[in-house]
Amino acid sequence: MFIHIGGEYTISDLWIIGIFDLDQTTTYGKDTANFLKKQEELGRLDIVSADLPRSFVVTLDRVYLSPISAKTLIERSNDKTNISSFI
């Protein structure tokens, strides 16, 4: 199944390792910020939209900053009948 993660980006759920809330994971330490900075340095960080990022999606080969909340993305990945999952 494919999941729309914002902008013009749709990715296969088979490639997703994790979906994370950006605020919750960057508030209490530097590990996540360091991880995202390293991915950017390696050219593996994609900014999905010009809108403020609310979550990030880690896949097998890239990391995507998404303006869609982690909760919504997780719901899309779990809901096999949701049409937005197929856009």
C-alpha atoms as a PDB file:
ATOM      1  CA  MET A   1       0.000   0.000   0.000  1.00  0.00           C
ATOM      2  CA  PHE A   2       1.127   3.554  -0.659  1.00  0.00           C
ATOM      3  CA  ILE A   3       0.789   6.391   1.846  1.00  0.00           C
ATOM      4  CA  HIS A   4       0.553  10.064   0.941  1.00  0.00           C
ATOM      5  CA  ILE A   5       2.951  11.891   3.308  1.00  0.00           C
ATOM      6  CA  GLY A   6       2.377  15.426   2.049  1.00  0.00           C
ATOM      7  CA  GLY A   7       3.181  17.562  -0.955  1.00  0.00           C
ATOM      8  CA  GLU A   8       3.618  15.339  -3.981  1.00  0.00           C
ATOM      9  CA  TYR A   9       5.175  12.498  -2.005  1.00  0.00           C
ATOM     10  CA  THR A  10       3.660   9.038  -1.763  1.00  0.00           C
ATOM     11  CA  ILE A  11       5.725   6.137  -0.472  1.00  0.00           C
ATOM     12  CA  SER A  12       5.221   2.417  -0.055  1.00  0.00           C
ATOM     13  CA  ASP A  13       4.500   1.262   3.475  1.00  0.00           C
ATOM     14  CA  LEU A  14       6.884  -1.629   2.829  1.00  0.00           C
ATOM     15  CA  TRP A  15       9.776   0.857   2.900  1.00  0.00           C
ATOM     16  CA  ILE A  16       8.771   2.615   6.132  1.00  0.00           C
ATOM     17  CA  ILE A  17      10.849   1.894   9.221  1.00  0.00           C
ATOM     18  CA  GLY A  18       9.176   4.448  11.479  1.00  0.00           C
ATOM     19  CA  ILE A  19       6.958   7.518  11.691  1.00  0.00           C
ATOM     20  CA  PHE A  20       7.845  10.029  14.400  1.00  0.00           C
ATOM     21  CA  ASP A  21       6.452  13.250  15.854  1.00  0.00           C
ATOM     22  CA  LEU A  22       9.049  15.955  15.247  1.00  0.00           C
ATOM     23  CA  ASP A  23       8.302  18.038  18.362  1.00  0.00           C
ATOM     24  CA  GLN A  24       8.183  15.102  20.756  1.00  0.00           C
ATOM     25  CA  THR A  25      11.442  13.571  19.531  1.00  0.00           C
ATOM     26  CA  THR A  26      13.506  16.763  19.386  1.00  0.00           C
ATOM     27  CA  THR A  27      12.413  18.398  22.661  1.00  0.00           C
ATOM     28  CA  TYR A  28      14.220  16.275  25.243  1.00  0.00           C
ATOM     29  CA  GLY A  29      17.617  15.567  23.738  1.00  0.00           C
ATOM     30  CA  LYS A  30      19.940  16.021  20.834  1.00  0.00           C
ATOM     31  CA  ASP A  31      20.005  12.508  19.389  1.00  0.00           C
ATOM     32  CA  THR A  32      17.131  13.055  16.947  1.00  0.00           C
ATOM     33  CA  ALA A  33      18.381  16.474  15.878  1.00  0.00           C
ATOM     34  CA  ASN A  34      21.840  14.976  15.310  1.00  0.00           C
ATOM     35  CA  PHE A  35      20.331  12.113  13.307  1.00  0.00           C
ATOM     36  CA  LEU A  36      18.365  14.505  11.088  1.00  0.00           C
ATOM     37  CA  LYS A  37      21.414  16.747  10.613  1.00  0.00           C
ATOM     38  CA  LYS A  38      23.520  13.736   9.599  1.00  0.00           C
ATOM     39  CA  GLN A  39      20.873  12.602   7.103  1.00  0.00           C
ATOM     40  CA  GLU A  40      20.838  16.102   5.623  1.00  0.00           C
ATOM     41  CA  GLU A  41      24.644  16.092   5.304  1.00  0.00           C
ATOM     42  CA  LEU A  42      24.458  12.723   3.525  1.00  0.00           C
ATOM     43  CA  GLY A  43      21.803  14.035   1.120  1.00  0.00           C
ATOM     44  CA  ARG A  44      19.163  11.646   2.447  1.00  0.00           C
ATOM     45  CA  LEU A  45      16.740  14.187   3.926  1.00  0.00           C
ATOM     46  CA  ASP A  46      13.777  15.308   1.828  1.00  0.00           C
ATOM     47  CA  ILE A  47      11.545  18.196   2.836  1.00  0.00           C
ATOM     48  CA  VAL A  48       8.117  17.200   1.555  1.00  0.00           C
ATOM     49  CA  SER A  49       6.496  20.642   1.646  1.00  0.00           C
ATOM     50  CA  ALA A  50       7.231  24.284   2.380  1.00  0.00           C
ATOM     51  CA  ASP A  51       4.756  24.000   5.278  1.00  0.00           C
ATOM     52  CA  LEU A  52       6.062  23.618   8.818  1.00  0.00           C
ATOM     53  CA  PRO A  53       7.169  19.993   9.367  1.00  0.00           C
ATOM     54  CA  ARG A  54       5.230  18.125  12.044  1.00  0.00           C
ATOM     55  CA  SER A  55       6.662  14.642  11.616  1.00  0.00           C
ATOM     56  CA  PHE A  56       9.387  12.679   9.936  1.00  0.00           C
ATOM     57  CA  VAL A  57       9.241   9.348   8.187  1.00  0.00           C
ATOM     58  CA  VAL A  58      12.282   7.066   8.190  1.00  0.00           C
ATOM     59  CA  THR A  59      12.485   4.662   5.253  1.00  0.00           C
ATOM     60  CA  LEU A  60      15.083   2.149   4.158  1.00  0.00           C
ATOM     61  CA  ASP A  61      17.046   4.756   2.213  1.00  0.00           C
ATOM     62  CA  ARG A  62      15.727   8.252   3.067  1.00  0.00           C
ATOM     63  CA  VAL A  63      14.147  10.457   5.715  1.00  0.00           C
ATOM     64  CA  TYR A  64      11.180  12.674   4.857  1.00  0.00           C
ATOM     65  CA  LEU A  65      10.056  15.760   6.811  1.00  0.00           C
ATOM     66  CA  SER A  66       6.282  15.933   6.515  1.00  0.00           C
ATOM     67  CA  PRO A  67       3.735  18.651   7.358  1.00  0.00           C
ATOM     68  CA  ILE A  68       1.236  15.918   8.279  1.00  0.00           C
ATOM     69  CA  SER A  69       1.100  14.817  11.914  1.00  0.00           C
ATOM     70  CA  ALA A  70       2.617  11.485  12.874  1.00  0.00           C
ATOM     71  CA  LYS A  71      -0.766  10.398  14.255  1.00  0.00           C
ATOM     72  CA  THR A  72      -2.468  10.985  10.889  1.00  0.00           C
ATOM     73  CA  LEU A  73       0.289   9.197   8.963  1.00  0.00           C
ATOM     74  CA  ILE A  74       0.105   6.216  11.311  1.00  0.00           C
ATOM     75  CA  GLU A  75      -3.672   6.113  10.938  1.00  0.00           C
ATOM     76  CA  ARG A  76      -3.278   6.151   7.157  1.00  0.00           C
ATOM     77  CA  SER A  77      -0.817   3.286   7.314  1.00  0.00           C
ATOM     78  CA  ASN A  78      -3.160   1.243   9.516  1.00  0.00           C
ATOM     79  CA  ASP A  79      -6.378   1.995   7.613  1.00  0.00           C
ATOM     80  CA  LYS A  80      -6.427  -0.240   4.531  1.00  0.00           C
ATOM     81  CA  THR A  81      -9.731   1.278   3.352  1.00  0.00           C
ATOM     82  CA  ASN A  82      -8.793   4.954   3.636  1.00  0.00           C
ATOM     83  CA  ILE A  83      -8.689   6.419   0.124  1.00  0.00           C
ATOM     84  CA  SER A  84      -6.038   8.969   1.189  1.00  0.00           C
ATOM     85  CA  SER A  85      -3.697   6.038   1.716  1.00  0.00           C
ATOM     86  CA  PHE A  86      -3.781   5.369  -2.001  1.00  0.00           C
ATOM     87  CA  ILE A  87      -3.244   8.924  -3.273  1.00  0.00           C
END
